[in-house]
Amino acid sequence: MDASQEFDDVGHSKDAHNIRDKLLIGDFDMSTVDQLPGGDSKKAGASGGGGGGGASMAIPIIVLIIILAIVFKQIPLGN
């Protein structure tokens, strides 16, 4: 994905622009992506999204359980 516009919008320093220019390899013609091996952008998930799996959902659940445990430990249940 080309992020040139976003890079320029941030207002990077001249040093950052020099580093970027050294890292730039070249431009890619996206109209030829289907000619590459495995380059069918519709099949390859070219949207850039990733699943993340169950581990990414487990972290918020664990944090919620810890918070609830702390809260209920602080509140007397009337016994």
N, C-alpha and C. Protein backbone atom coordinates (compact mmCIF):
# COMPACT_ATOMS: atom_id res chain seq x y z
N MET A 1 0.85 -1.17 0.00
CA MET A 1 0.00 0.00 0.00
C MET A 1 0.90 1.24 0.00
N ASP A 2 0.54 2.19 -0.77
CA ASP A 2 1.30 3.43 -0.86
C ASP A 2 0.81 4.39 0.23
N ALA A 3 1.70 4.78 1.12
CA ALA A 3 1.36 5.70 2.20
C ALA A 3 2.08 7.02 2.04
N SER A 4 2.44 7.36 0.82
CA SER A 4 3.18 8.60 0.57
C SER A 4 2.40 9.83 1.03
N GLN A 5 1.12 9.87 0.73
CA GLN A 5 0.31 11.03 1.10
C GLN A 5 0.25 11.17 2.62
N GLU A 6 0.04 10.06 3.33
CA GLU A 6 -0.02 10.10 4.78
C GLU A 6 1.32 10.52 5.37
N PHE A 7 2.41 10.03 4.78
CA PHE A 7 3.76 10.40 5.23
C PHE A 7 3.97 11.90 5.09
N ASP A 8 3.57 12.44 3.95
CA ASP A 8 3.75 13.87 3.71
C ASP A 8 2.84 14.71 4.62
N ASP A 9 1.64 14.22 4.91
CA ASP A 9 0.69 14.96 5.73
C ASP A 9 1.19 15.14 7.17
N VAL A 10 1.98 14.21 7.65
CA VAL A 10 2.45 14.27 9.03
C VAL A 10 3.45 15.40 9.22
N GLY A 11 4.19 15.73 8.18
CA GLY A 11 5.17 16.80 8.28
C GLY A 11 6.50 16.33 8.82
N HIS A 12 7.01 15.26 8.26
CA HIS A 12 8.29 14.70 8.69
C HIS A 12 9.45 15.67 8.41
N SER A 13 10.54 15.44 9.12
CA SER A 13 11.74 16.27 8.95
C SER A 13 12.46 15.91 7.65
N LYS A 14 13.43 16.73 7.29
CA LYS A 14 14.23 16.45 6.08
C LYS A 14 15.00 15.14 6.26
N ASP A 15 15.46 14.85 7.49
CA ASP A 15 16.15 13.58 7.74
C ASP A 15 15.25 12.39 7.45
N ALA A 16 13.99 12.49 7.86
CA ALA A 16 13.04 11.40 7.61
C ALA A 16 12.82 11.23 6.11
N HIS A 17 12.74 12.33 5.38
CA HIS A 17 12.58 12.25 3.93
C HIS A 17 13.81 11.61 3.28
N ASN A 18 15.00 11.94 3.78
CA ASN A 18 16.22 11.34 3.23
C ASN A 18 16.26 9.84 3.49
N ILE A 19 15.86 9.43 4.69
CA ILE A 19 15.83 7.99 5.01
C ILE A 19 14.81 7.29 4.12
N ARG A 20 13.64 7.91 3.95
CA ARG A 20 12.61 7.32 3.09
C ARG A 20 13.12 7.13 1.67
N ASP A 21 13.81 8.16 1.17
CA ASP A 21 14.30 8.08 -0.21
C ASP A 21 15.34 6.98 -0.38
N LYS A 22 16.13 6.71 0.67
CA LYS A 22 17.11 5.62 0.60
C LYS A 22 16.43 4.25 0.64
N LEU A 23 15.28 4.18 1.31
CA LEU A 23 14.57 2.90 1.44
C LEU A 23 13.65 2.60 0.27
N LEU A 24 13.32 3.60 -0.51
CA LEU A 24 12.42 3.41 -1.65
C LEU A 24 13.07 2.52 -2.69
N ILE A 25 12.45 1.42 -2.98
CA ILE A 25 12.97 0.48 -3.96
C ILE A 25 12.46 0.80 -5.35
N GLY A 26 11.20 1.15 -5.46
CA GLY A 26 10.63 1.47 -6.75
C GLY A 26 9.12 1.50 -6.68
N ASP A 27 8.51 1.76 -7.80
CA ASP A 27 7.07 1.79 -7.89
C ASP A 27 6.58 0.46 -8.48
N PHE A 28 5.38 0.09 -8.13
CA PHE A 28 4.79 -1.14 -8.63
C PHE A 28 3.51 -0.82 -9.35
N ASP A 29 3.37 -1.36 -10.54
CA ASP A 29 2.17 -1.17 -11.34
C ASP A 29 1.13 -2.21 -10.89
N MET A 30 0.15 -1.77 -10.11
CA MET A 30 -0.85 -2.68 -9.55
C MET A 30 -1.72 -3.32 -10.62
N SER A 31 -1.75 -2.76 -11.83
CA SER A 31 -2.56 -3.38 -12.87
C SER A 31 -1.97 -4.69 -13.36
N THR A 32 -0.71 -4.97 -13.01
CA THR A 32 -0.06 -6.22 -13.43
C THR A 32 -0.02 -7.26 -12.32
N VAL A 33 -0.66 -7.01 -11.19
CA VAL A 33 -0.58 -7.93 -10.05
C VAL A 33 -1.14 -9.31 -10.42
N ASP A 34 -2.13 -9.38 -11.29
CA ASP A 34 -2.70 -10.68 -11.66
C ASP A 34 -1.75 -11.52 -12.50
N GLN A 35 -0.70 -10.93 -13.04
CA GLN A 35 0.25 -11.68 -13.85
C GLN A 35 1.32 -12.37 -12.99
N LEU A 36 1.41 -12.02 -11.72
CA LEU A 36 2.38 -12.62 -10.82
C LEU A 36 1.90 -13.98 -10.35
N PRO A 37 2.84 -14.91 -10.05
CA PRO A 37 2.41 -16.19 -9.50
C PRO A 37 1.70 -15.96 -8.17
N GLY A 38 0.50 -16.48 -8.03
CA GLY A 38 -0.28 -16.28 -6.82
C GLY A 38 -0.74 -14.85 -6.68
N GLY A 39 -0.78 -14.11 -7.75
CA GLY A 39 -1.06 -12.69 -7.68
C GLY A 39 -2.50 -12.31 -7.86
N ASP A 40 -3.41 -13.25 -7.77
CA ASP A 40 -4.82 -12.89 -7.91
C ASP A 40 -5.23 -12.14 -6.65
N SER A 41 -5.33 -10.83 -6.75
CA SER A 41 -5.57 -9.99 -5.58
C SER A 41 -6.92 -10.27 -4.93
N LYS A 42 -7.88 -10.78 -5.68
CA LYS A 42 -9.18 -11.08 -5.10
C LYS A 42 -9.11 -12.32 -4.24
N LYS A 43 -8.32 -13.30 -4.66
CA LYS A 43 -8.18 -14.53 -3.89
C LYS A 43 -7.19 -14.37 -2.75
N ALA A 44 -6.18 -13.56 -2.94
CA ALA A 44 -5.08 -13.47 -1.98
C ALA A 44 -5.42 -12.61 -0.78
N GLY A 45 -6.60 -12.07 -0.70
CA GLY A 45 -6.95 -11.23 0.44
C GLY A 45 -6.21 -9.92 0.42
N ALA A 46 -6.26 -9.23 -0.68
CA ALA A 46 -5.51 -7.99 -0.83
C ALA A 46 -6.07 -6.85 0.01
N SER A 47 -7.12 -7.10 0.75
CA SER A 47 -7.68 -6.04 1.56
C SER A 47 -6.76 -5.64 2.69
N GLY A 48 -5.80 -6.49 3.04
CA GLY A 48 -4.85 -6.16 4.08
C GLY A 48 -5.34 -6.51 5.47
N GLY A 49 -6.56 -6.96 5.60
CA GLY A 49 -7.07 -7.34 6.90
C GLY A 49 -6.54 -8.69 7.32
N GLY A 50 -6.44 -8.88 8.61
CA GLY A 50 -5.97 -10.15 9.11
C GLY A 50 -6.92 -10.66 10.18
N GLY A 51 -7.03 -11.94 10.29
CA GLY A 51 -7.94 -12.52 11.26
C GLY A 51 -7.58 -12.21 12.69
N GLY A 52 -6.42 -12.58 13.12
CA GLY A 52 -6.03 -12.34 14.48
C GLY A 52 -6.29 -13.55 15.37
N GLY A 53 -7.31 -14.32 15.06
CA GLY A 53 -7.56 -15.54 15.78
C GLY A 53 -8.10 -15.35 17.18
N GLY A 54 -8.13 -16.45 17.92
CA GLY A 54 -8.68 -16.43 19.27
C GLY A 54 -7.80 -15.73 20.28
N ALA A 55 -6.51 -15.68 20.05
CA ALA A 55 -5.61 -15.06 21.02
C ALA A 55 -5.89 -13.58 21.18
N SER A 56 -6.23 -12.91 20.09
CA SER A 56 -6.51 -11.47 20.19
C SER A 56 -7.80 -11.21 20.95
N MET A 57 -8.70 -12.14 20.97
CA MET A 57 -9.94 -11.98 21.72
C MET A 57 -9.76 -12.42 23.17
N ALA A 58 -8.82 -13.29 23.44
CA ALA A 58 -8.61 -13.79 24.80
C ALA A 58 -8.05 -12.71 25.72
N ILE A 59 -7.22 -11.84 25.21
CA ILE A 59 -6.59 -10.82 26.05
C ILE A 59 -7.63 -9.88 26.68
N PRO A 60 -8.56 -9.30 25.91
CA PRO A 60 -9.56 -8.45 26.57
C PRO A 60 -10.44 -9.20 27.57
N ILE A 61 -10.72 -10.46 27.29
CA ILE A 61 -11.54 -11.25 28.21
C ILE A 61 -10.79 -11.48 29.51
N ILE A 62 -9.51 -11.79 29.42
CA ILE A 62 -8.70 -11.99 30.63
C ILE A 62 -8.62 -10.71 31.44
N VAL A 63 -8.42 -9.58 30.77
CA VAL A 63 -8.37 -8.29 31.47
C VAL A 63 -9.70 -8.02 32.17
N LEU A 64 -10.81 -8.29 31.50
CA LEU A 64 -12.13 -8.09 32.10
C LEU A 64 -12.31 -8.97 33.33
N ILE A 65 -11.89 -10.21 33.26
CA ILE A 65 -12.00 -11.13 34.40
C ILE A 65 -11.19 -10.62 35.58
N ILE A 66 -9.99 -10.13 35.32
CA ILE A 66 -9.13 -9.60 36.39
C ILE A 66 -9.79 -8.38 37.04
N ILE A 67 -10.33 -7.47 36.21
CA ILE A 67 -10.99 -6.28 36.75
C ILE A 67 -12.19 -6.67 37.60
N LEU A 68 -13.01 -7.60 37.11
CA LEU A 68 -14.17 -8.04 37.89
C LEU A 68 -13.74 -8.71 39.19
N ALA A 69 -12.67 -9.48 39.16
CA ALA A 69 -12.19 -10.13 40.38
C ALA A 69 -11.75 -9.08 41.40
N ILE A 70 -11.09 -8.04 40.96
CA ILE A 70 -10.64 -6.97 41.86
C ILE A 70 -11.85 -6.24 42.43
N VAL A 71 -12.82 -5.92 41.57
CA VAL A 71 -14.00 -5.19 42.03
C VAL A 71 -14.78 -6.01 43.05
N PHE A 72 -15.03 -7.26 42.77
CA PHE A 72 -15.81 -8.08 43.68
C PHE A 72 -15.05 -8.41 44.96
N LYS A 73 -13.76 -8.38 44.94
CA LYS A 73 -12.97 -8.58 46.14
C LYS A 73 -13.11 -7.37 47.07
N GLN A 74 -13.31 -6.18 46.52
CA GLN A 74 -13.40 -4.94 47.28
C GLN A 74 -14.80 -4.72 47.85
N ILE A 75 -15.84 -5.29 47.21
CA ILE A 75 -17.22 -5.07 47.64
C ILE A 75 -17.64 -6.21 48.58
N PRO A 76 -18.00 -5.86 49.81
CA PRO A 76 -18.49 -6.91 50.73
C PRO A 76 -19.87 -7.41 50.25
N LEU A 77 -20.07 -8.70 50.32
CA LEU A 77 -21.31 -9.29 49.81
C LEU A 77 -22.39 -9.40 50.89
N GLY A 78 -22.18 -8.82 52.05
CA GLY A 78 -23.20 -8.80 53.09
C GLY A 78 -23.19 -10.02 53.99
N ASN A 79 -22.16 -10.82 53.95
CA ASN A 79 -22.09 -12.00 54.83
C ASN A 79 -21.53 -11.63 56.15
